[in-house]
């Protein structure tokens, strides 16, 4: 039976304990989680206790991986969970890590949606594209729609005016093409960028019928 041979504060991780089993490093786990196990150095570790230590180790590893991912850029909850499982970390450990990150305010899908909408709309993406992108990352539709609407309002972005700016820029690049080809490509471009509906088609018709400013 494995023996617990060491318990010591982890100098690299506040609030964590280095666990040593059979004189080899086993894992670094949160000290608060260990208190319920009533561990004693030199004691044998039953399978149930050893299994629980492994669960704690897996959860801490997934949590640390989540912190590193979030340090690079904000992520939606579902997207981060999917990426951690692909690493791979056990699903149960990932769920526990996600709960910790949410409790610490490090994951907030509405905040993420607002940040995403602000940065991508500045690059010319329209509301429909923003919504598709957020949904593909697992953001709930209602949260995504609210985040987009709030951001556009706060940033003073008029989707219709933004569509015109994007369309005019692209139309200039297509001026040498025949009108039917120009119209088809311009419409397809705007749809990919997230501008759709009757107003967009009318804008394309206007630009392709000589309405482009020099």
C-alpha atoms as a PDB file:
ATOM      1  CA  UNK A   1       0.000   0.000   0.000  1.00  0.00           C
ATOM      2  CA  UNK A   2       1.379   3.463  -0.857  1.00  0.00           C
ATOM      3  CA  UNK A   3       2.654   5.551   2.035  1.00  0.00           C
ATOM      4  CA  UNK A   4       2.305   9.283   2.583  1.00  0.00           C
ATOM      5  CA  UNK A   5       5.894  10.446   3.049  1.00  0.00           C
ATOM      6  CA  UNK A   6       5.595  14.217   2.942  1.00  0.00           C
ATOM      7  CA  UNK A   7       3.306  17.255   3.268  1.00  0.00           C
ATOM      8  CA  UNK A   8       4.809  20.724   2.793  1.00  0.00           C
ATOM      9  CA  UNK A   9       3.675  24.174   1.627  1.00  0.00           C
ATOM     10  CA  UNK A  10       4.208  24.666  -2.094  1.00  0.00           C
ATOM     11  CA  UNK A  11       6.591  27.643  -2.410  1.00  0.00           C
ATOM     12  CA  UNK A  12       5.329  28.376  -5.931  1.00  0.00           C
ATOM     13  CA  UNK A  13       1.583  28.258  -5.250  1.00  0.00           C
ATOM     14  CA  UNK A  14      -0.049  30.100  -2.387  1.00  0.00           C
ATOM     15  CA  UNK A  15      -2.550  27.994  -0.472  1.00  0.00           C
ATOM     16  CA  UNK A  16      -1.297  24.706  -1.902  1.00  0.00           C
ATOM     17  CA  UNK A  17       0.434  21.732  -0.307  1.00  0.00           C
ATOM     18  CA  UNK A  18       3.009  19.486  -1.942  1.00  0.00           C
ATOM     19  CA  UNK A  19       2.013  15.874  -1.374  1.00  0.00           C
ATOM     20  CA  UNK A  20       4.727  13.212  -1.420  1.00  0.00           C
ATOM     21  CA  UNK A  21       3.911   9.521  -1.766  1.00  0.00           C
ATOM     22  CA  UNK A  22       6.580   6.820  -1.343  1.00  0.00           C
ATOM     23  CA  UNK A  23       9.194   9.616  -1.259  1.00  0.00           C
ATOM     24  CA  UNK A  24       8.228  10.894  -4.685  1.00  0.00           C
ATOM     25  CA  UNK A  25       6.325  14.064  -5.485  1.00  0.00           C
ATOM     26  CA  UNK A  26       2.668  13.191  -6.050  1.00  0.00           C
ATOM     27  CA  UNK A  27       0.939  16.536  -6.608  1.00  0.00           C
ATOM     28  CA  UNK A  28       0.324  20.089  -5.451  1.00  0.00           C
ATOM     29  CA  UNK A  29      -3.226  20.449  -4.124  1.00  0.00           C
ATOM     30  CA  UNK A  30      -5.226  23.160  -2.322  1.00  0.00           C
ATOM     31  CA  UNK A  31      -4.608  23.052   1.423  1.00  0.00           C
ATOM     32  CA  UNK A  32      -8.297  23.652   2.177  1.00  0.00           C
ATOM     33  CA  UNK A  33      -9.231  20.453   0.345  1.00  0.00           C
ATOM     34  CA  UNK A  34      -6.737  18.337   2.302  1.00  0.00           C
ATOM     35  CA  UNK A  35      -8.108  19.184   5.738  1.00  0.00           C
ATOM     36  CA  UNK A  36     -11.097  16.873   5.260  1.00  0.00           C
ATOM     37  CA  UNK A  37      -8.830  13.885   4.534  1.00  0.00           C
ATOM     38  CA  UNK A  38      -7.090  13.902   7.938  1.00  0.00           C
ATOM     39  CA  UNK A  39      -3.740  12.880   6.448  1.00  0.00           C
ATOM     40  CA  UNK A  40      -0.737  11.857   8.541  1.00  0.00           C
ATOM     41  CA  UNK A  41       2.806  11.581   7.247  1.00  0.00           C
ATOM     42  CA  UNK A  42       4.013   7.996   7.513  1.00  0.00           C
ATOM     43  CA  UNK A  43       0.523   6.516   7.252  1.00  0.00           C
ATOM     44  CA  UNK A  44      -0.564   4.118   4.524  1.00  0.00           C
ATOM     45  CA  UNK A  45      -2.958   5.484   1.900  1.00  0.00           C
ATOM     46  CA  UNK A  46      -6.056   3.376   1.174  1.00  0.00           C
ATOM     47  CA  UNK A  47      -7.273   3.322  -2.415  1.00  0.00           C
ATOM     48  CA  UNK A  48     -10.155   5.665  -1.601  1.00  0.00           C
ATOM     49  CA  UNK A  49      -7.817   8.314  -0.142  1.00  0.00           C
ATOM     50  CA  UNK A  50      -5.310   7.901  -2.939  1.00  0.00           C
ATOM     51  CA  UNK A  51      -8.124   8.273  -5.470  1.00  0.00           C
ATOM     52  CA  UNK A  52      -9.336  11.445  -3.778  1.00  0.00           C
ATOM     53  CA  UNK A  53      -5.820  12.884  -3.845  1.00  0.00           C
ATOM     54  CA  UNK A  54      -5.669  12.146  -7.565  1.00  0.00           C
ATOM     55  CA  UNK A  55      -8.984  13.945  -8.091  1.00  0.00           C
ATOM     56  CA  UNK A  56      -7.671  16.973  -6.219  1.00  0.00           C
ATOM     57  CA  UNK A  57      -4.453  16.902  -8.242  1.00  0.00           C
ATOM     58  CA  UNK A  58      -6.371  16.687 -11.517  1.00  0.00           C
ATOM     59  CA  UNK A  59      -8.655  19.539 -10.478  1.00  0.00           C
ATOM     60  CA  UNK A  60      -5.712  21.756  -9.548  1.00  0.00           C
ATOM     61  CA  UNK A  61      -3.948  20.986 -12.839  1.00  0.00           C
ATOM     62  CA  UNK A  62      -7.079  21.881 -14.817  1.00  0.00           C
ATOM     63  CA  UNK A  63      -7.520  25.065 -12.783  1.00  0.00           C
ATOM     64  CA  UNK A  64      -3.936  26.149 -13.447  1.00  0.00           C
ATOM     65  CA  UNK A  65      -4.350  25.402 -17.154  1.00  0.00           C
ATOM     66  CA  UNK A  66      -7.513  27.515 -17.135  1.00  0.00           C
ATOM     67  CA  UNK A  67      -5.669  30.417 -15.518  1.00  0.00           C
ATOM     68  CA  UNK A  68      -2.950  30.245 -18.176  1.00  0.00           C
ATOM     69  CA  UNK A  69      -5.531  30.204 -20.981  1.00  0.00           C
ATOM     70  CA  UNK A  70      -7.375  33.196 -19.524  1.00  0.00           C
ATOM     71  CA  UNK A  71      -4.110  35.099 -19.116  1.00  0.00           C
ATOM     72  CA  UNK A  72      -3.684  34.968 -22.891  1.00  0.00           C
ATOM     73  CA  UNK A  73      -7.176  36.273 -23.680  1.00  0.00           C
ATOM     74  CA  UNK A  74     -10.757  36.182 -22.334  1.00  0.00           C
ATOM     75  CA  UNK A  75     -12.730  33.034 -23.097  1.00  0.00           C
ATOM     76  CA  UNK A  76     -16.330  31.918 -22.824  1.00  0.00           C
ATOM     77  CA  UNK A  77     -17.151  29.206 -20.293  1.00  0.00           C
ATOM     78  CA  UNK A  78     -18.085  26.488 -22.802  1.00  0.00           C
ATOM     79  CA  UNK A  79     -15.137  27.276 -25.053  1.00  0.00           C
ATOM     80  CA  UNK A  80     -12.669  27.100 -22.160  1.00  0.00           C
ATOM     81  CA  UNK A  81     -14.174  23.819 -20.938  1.00  0.00           C
ATOM     82  CA  UNK A  82     -13.866  22.330 -24.416  1.00  0.00           C
ATOM     83  CA  UNK A  83     -10.232  23.386 -24.711  1.00  0.00           C
ATOM     84  CA  UNK A  84      -9.264  22.046 -21.293  1.00  0.00           C
ATOM     85  CA  UNK A  85     -10.827  18.666 -22.029  1.00  0.00           C
ATOM     86  CA  UNK A  86      -8.886  18.548 -25.297  1.00  0.00           C
ATOM     87  CA  UNK A  87      -5.565  19.035 -23.424  1.00  0.00           C
ATOM     88  CA  UNK A  88      -6.624  16.497 -22.033  1.00  0.00           C
ATOM     89  CA  UNK A  89      -7.853  17.009 -18.488  1.00  0.00           C
ATOM     90  CA  UNK A  90     -10.576  14.762 -16.978  1.00  0.00           C
ATOM     91  CA  UNK A  91     -14.071  16.175 -17.483  1.00  0.00           C
ATOM     92  CA  UNK A  92     -14.845  16.133 -13.757  1.00  0.00           C
ATOM     93  CA  UNK A  93     -11.632  18.009 -12.969  1.00  0.00           C
ATOM     94  CA  UNK A  94     -12.402  20.572 -15.650  1.00  0.00           C
ATOM     95  CA  UNK A  95     -15.911  21.164 -14.313  1.00  0.00           C
ATOM     96  CA  UNK A  96     -14.513  21.727 -10.838  1.00  0.00           C
ATOM     97  CA  UNK A  97     -11.906  24.125 -12.209  1.00  0.00           C
ATOM     98  CA  UNK A  98     -14.527  26.055 -14.173  1.00  0.00           C
ATOM     99  CA  UNK A  99     -16.631  26.440 -11.031  1.00  0.00           C
ATOM    100  CA  UNK A 100     -13.630  27.895  -9.184  1.00  0.00           C
ATOM    101  CA  UNK A 101     -12.878  30.331 -12.010  1.00  0.00           C
ATOM    102  CA  UNK A 102     -16.505  31.482 -12.157  1.00  0.00           C
ATOM    103  CA  UNK A 103     -16.617  31.952  -8.375  1.00  0.00           C
ATOM    104  CA  UNK A 104     -13.491  34.112  -8.624  1.00  0.00           C
ATOM    105  CA  UNK A 105     -15.060  36.250 -11.330  1.00  0.00           C
ATOM    106  CA  UNK A 106     -12.530  35.149 -13.923  1.00  0.00           C
ATOM    107  CA  UNK A 107     -15.178  33.707 -16.251  1.00  0.00           C
ATOM    108  CA  UNK A 108     -18.216  35.834 -17.103  1.00  0.00           C
ATOM    109  CA  UNK A 109     -19.923  35.159 -20.429  1.00  0.00           C
ATOM    110  CA  UNK A 110     -21.665  38.537 -20.597  1.00  0.00           C
ATOM    111  CA  UNK A 111     -18.395  40.357 -19.982  1.00  0.00           C
ATOM    112  CA  UNK A 112     -16.763  38.146 -22.599  1.00  0.00           C
ATOM    113  CA  UNK A 113     -19.535  38.872 -25.132  1.00  0.00           C
ATOM    114  CA  UNK A 114     -19.156  42.616 -24.582  1.00  0.00           C
ATOM    115  CA  UNK A 115     -15.379  42.445 -24.967  1.00  0.00           C
ATOM    116  CA  UNK A 116     -15.649  40.317 -28.091  1.00  0.00           C
ATOM    117  CA  UNK A 117     -18.250  42.607 -29.653  1.00  0.00           C
ATOM    118  CA  UNK A 118     -16.184  45.717 -28.909  1.00  0.00           C
ATOM    119  CA  UNK A 119     -12.962  44.381 -30.407  1.00  0.00           C
ATOM    120  CA  UNK A 120     -14.511  42.695 -33.459  1.00  0.00           C
ATOM    121  CA  UNK A 121     -16.952  45.468 -34.350  1.00  0.00           C
ATOM    122  CA  UNK A 122     -13.972  47.818 -34.468  1.00  0.00           C
ATOM    123  CA  UNK A 123     -12.597  45.544 -37.193  1.00  0.00           C
ATOM    124  CA  UNK A 124     -15.726  45.836 -39.297  1.00  0.00           C
ATOM    125  CA  UNK A 125     -17.766  42.837 -38.208  1.00  0.00           C
ATOM    126  CA  UNK A 126     -21.515  43.281 -38.147  1.00  0.00           C
ATOM    127  CA  UNK A 127     -24.075  42.117 -35.572  1.00  0.00           C
ATOM    128  CA  UNK A 128     -24.969  38.882 -37.381  1.00  0.00           C
ATOM    129  CA  UNK A 129     -21.314  37.799 -37.595  1.00  0.00           C
ATOM    130  CA  UNK A 130     -20.708  38.722 -33.968  1.00  0.00           C
ATOM    131  CA  UNK A 131     -23.684  36.623 -32.927  1.00  0.00           C
ATOM    132  CA  UNK A 132     -22.538  33.627 -34.999  1.00  0.00           C
ATOM    133  CA  UNK A 133     -19.060  33.844 -33.520  1.00  0.00           C
ATOM    134  CA  UNK A 134     -20.298  34.027 -29.939  1.00  0.00           C
ATOM    135  CA  UNK A 135     -22.738  31.153 -30.413  1.00  0.00           C
ATOM    136  CA  UNK A 136     -19.937  29.011 -31.886  1.00  0.00           C
ATOM    137  CA  UNK A 137     -17.973  29.601 -28.669  1.00  0.00           C
ATOM    138  CA  UNK A 138     -20.840  28.353 -26.557  1.00  0.00           C
ATOM    139  CA  UNK A 139     -22.263  31.652 -25.341  1.00  0.00           C
ATOM    140  CA  UNK A 140     -26.000  31.489 -24.665  1.00  0.00           C
ATOM    141  CA  UNK A 141     -27.977  33.322 -27.362  1.00  0.00           C
ATOM    142  CA  UNK A 142     -29.668  35.699 -24.927  1.00  0.00           C
ATOM    143  CA  UNK A 143     -26.352  36.616 -23.320  1.00  0.00           C
ATOM    144  CA  UNK A 144     -24.699  37.055 -26.718  1.00  0.00           C
ATOM    145  CA  UNK A 145     -27.490  39.285 -28.033  1.00  0.00           C
ATOM    146  CA  UNK A 146     -27.457  41.385 -24.868  1.00  0.00           C
ATOM    147  CA  UNK A 147     -23.670  41.762 -24.972  1.00  0.00           C
ATOM    148  CA  UNK A 148     -23.715  42.863 -28.611  1.00  0.00           C
ATOM    149  CA  UNK A 149     -26.581  45.322 -28.149  1.00  0.00           C
ATOM    150  CA  UNK A 150     -25.065  46.877 -25.018  1.00  0.00           C
ATOM    151  CA  UNK A 151     -21.650  47.225 -26.624  1.00  0.00           C
ATOM    152  CA  UNK A 152     -22.887  48.803 -29.853  1.00  0.00           C
ATOM    153  CA  UNK A 153     -24.957  51.277 -27.846  1.00  0.00           C
ATOM    154  CA  UNK A 154     -22.087  52.185 -25.520  1.00  0.00           C
ATOM    155  CA  UNK A 155     -19.595  52.516 -28.375  1.00  0.00           C
ATOM    156  CA  UNK A 156     -22.035  54.610 -30.399  1.00  0.00           C
ATOM    157  CA  UNK A 157     -21.840  52.215 -33.347  1.00  0.00           C
ATOM    158  CA  UNK A 158     -24.660  52.402 -35.884  1.00  0.00           C
ATOM    159  CA  UNK A 159     -24.698  49.037 -37.732  1.00  0.00           C
ATOM    160  CA  UNK A 160     -26.174  50.663 -40.840  1.00  0.00           C
ATOM    161  CA  UNK A 161     -23.422  53.254 -41.014  1.00  0.00           C
ATOM    162  CA  UNK A 162     -20.764  50.650 -40.259  1.00  0.00           C
ATOM    163  CA  UNK A 163     -22.128  48.504 -43.089  1.00  0.00           C
ATOM    164  CA  UNK A 164     -21.887  51.435 -45.492  1.00  0.00           C
ATOM    165  CA  UNK A 165     -18.263  52.125 -44.564  1.00  0.00           C
ATOM    166  CA  UNK A 166     -17.317  48.475 -45.051  1.00  0.00           C
ATOM    167  CA  UNK A 167     -19.324  48.194 -48.262  1.00  0.00           C
ATOM    168  CA  UNK A 168     -17.885  51.332 -49.851  1.00  0.00           C
ATOM    169  CA  UNK A 169     -14.332  50.224 -49.120  1.00  0.00           C
ATOM    170  CA  UNK A 170     -14.945  46.808 -50.673  1.00  0.00           C
ATOM    171  CA  UNK A 171     -16.878  48.241 -53.619  1.00  0.00           C
ATOM    172  CA  UNK A 172     -13.875  50.369 -54.601  1.00  0.00           C
ATOM    173  CA  UNK A 173     -11.780  47.214 -54.757  1.00  0.00           C
ATOM    174  CA  UNK A 174     -14.338  45.619 -57.101  1.00  0.00           C
ATOM    175  CA  UNK A 175     -14.906  48.572 -59.436  1.00  0.00           C
ATOM    176  CA  UNK A 176     -13.179  46.950 -62.402  1.00  0.00           C
ATOM    177  CA  UNK A 177     -15.581  44.000 -62.436  1.00  0.00           C
ATOM    178  CA  UNK A 178     -18.828  43.790 -64.397  1.00  0.00           C
ATOM    179  CA  UNK A 179     -21.821  45.007 -62.397  1.00  0.00           C
ATOM    180  CA  UNK A 180     -23.445  41.565 -61.910  1.00  0.00           C
ATOM    181  CA  UNK A 181     -20.167  40.080 -60.663  1.00  0.00           C
ATOM    182  CA  UNK A 182     -19.462  43.110 -58.502  1.00  0.00           C
ATOM    183  CA  UNK A 183     -22.907  42.946 -56.948  1.00  0.00           C
ATOM    184  CA  UNK A 184     -22.649  39.217 -56.197  1.00  0.00           C
ATOM    185  CA  UNK A 185     -19.213  39.494 -54.616  1.00  0.00           C
ATOM    186  CA  UNK A 186     -20.040  42.597 -52.627  1.00  0.00           C
ATOM    187  CA  UNK A 187     -23.187  41.021 -51.208  1.00  0.00           C
ATOM    188  CA  UNK A 188     -21.345  37.814 -50.324  1.00  0.00           C
ATOM    189  CA  UNK A 189     -18.608  39.840 -48.630  1.00  0.00           C
ATOM    190  CA  UNK A 190     -21.074  41.777 -46.499  1.00  0.00           C
ATOM    191  CA  UNK A 191     -22.906  38.617 -45.501  1.00  0.00           C
ATOM    192  CA  UNK A 192     -19.629  37.055 -44.341  1.00  0.00           C
ATOM    193  CA  UNK A 193     -18.858  40.185 -42.342  1.00  0.00           C
ATOM    194  CA  UNK A 194     -22.214  39.962 -40.588  1.00  0.00           C
ATOM    195  CA  UNK A 195     -24.331  42.500 -42.443  1.00  0.00           C
ATOM    196  CA  UNK A 196     -27.532  41.035 -43.816  1.00  0.00           C
ATOM    197  CA  UNK A 197     -31.188  41.797 -44.419  1.00  0.00           C
ATOM    198  CA  UNK A 198     -33.086  43.974 -46.881  1.00  0.00           C
ATOM    199  CA  UNK A 199     -31.127  47.119 -45.972  1.00  0.00           C
ATOM    200  CA  UNK A 200     -27.879  45.419 -46.930  1.00  0.00           C
ATOM    201  CA  UNK A 201     -29.230  44.322 -50.302  1.00  0.00           C
ATOM    202  CA  UNK A 202     -30.475  47.833 -50.956  1.00  0.00           C
ATOM    203  CA  UNK A 203     -27.058  49.225 -50.061  1.00  0.00           C
ATOM    204  CA  UNK A 204     -25.383  46.828 -52.483  1.00  0.00           C
ATOM    205  CA  UNK A 205     -27.807  47.821 -55.256  1.00  0.00           C
ATOM    206  CA  UNK A 206     -27.095  51.479 -54.624  1.00  0.00           C
ATOM    207  CA  UNK A 207     -23.310  51.074 -54.698  1.00  0.00           C
ATOM    208  CA  UNK A 208     -23.385  48.911 -57.803  1.00  0.00           C
ATOM    209  CA  UNK A 209     -25.613  51.348 -59.689  1.00  0.00           C
ATOM    210  CA  UNK A 210     -23.208  54.255 -59.549  1.00  0.00           C
ATOM    211  CA  UNK A 211     -23.811  55.365 -55.985  1.00  0.00           C
ATOM    212  CA  UNK A 212     -20.188  55.019 -54.849  1.00  0.00           C
ATOM    213  CA  UNK A 213     -18.533  58.233 -53.681  1.00  0.00           C
ATOM    214  CA  UNK A 214     -15.066  58.861 -55.069  1.00  0.00           C
END
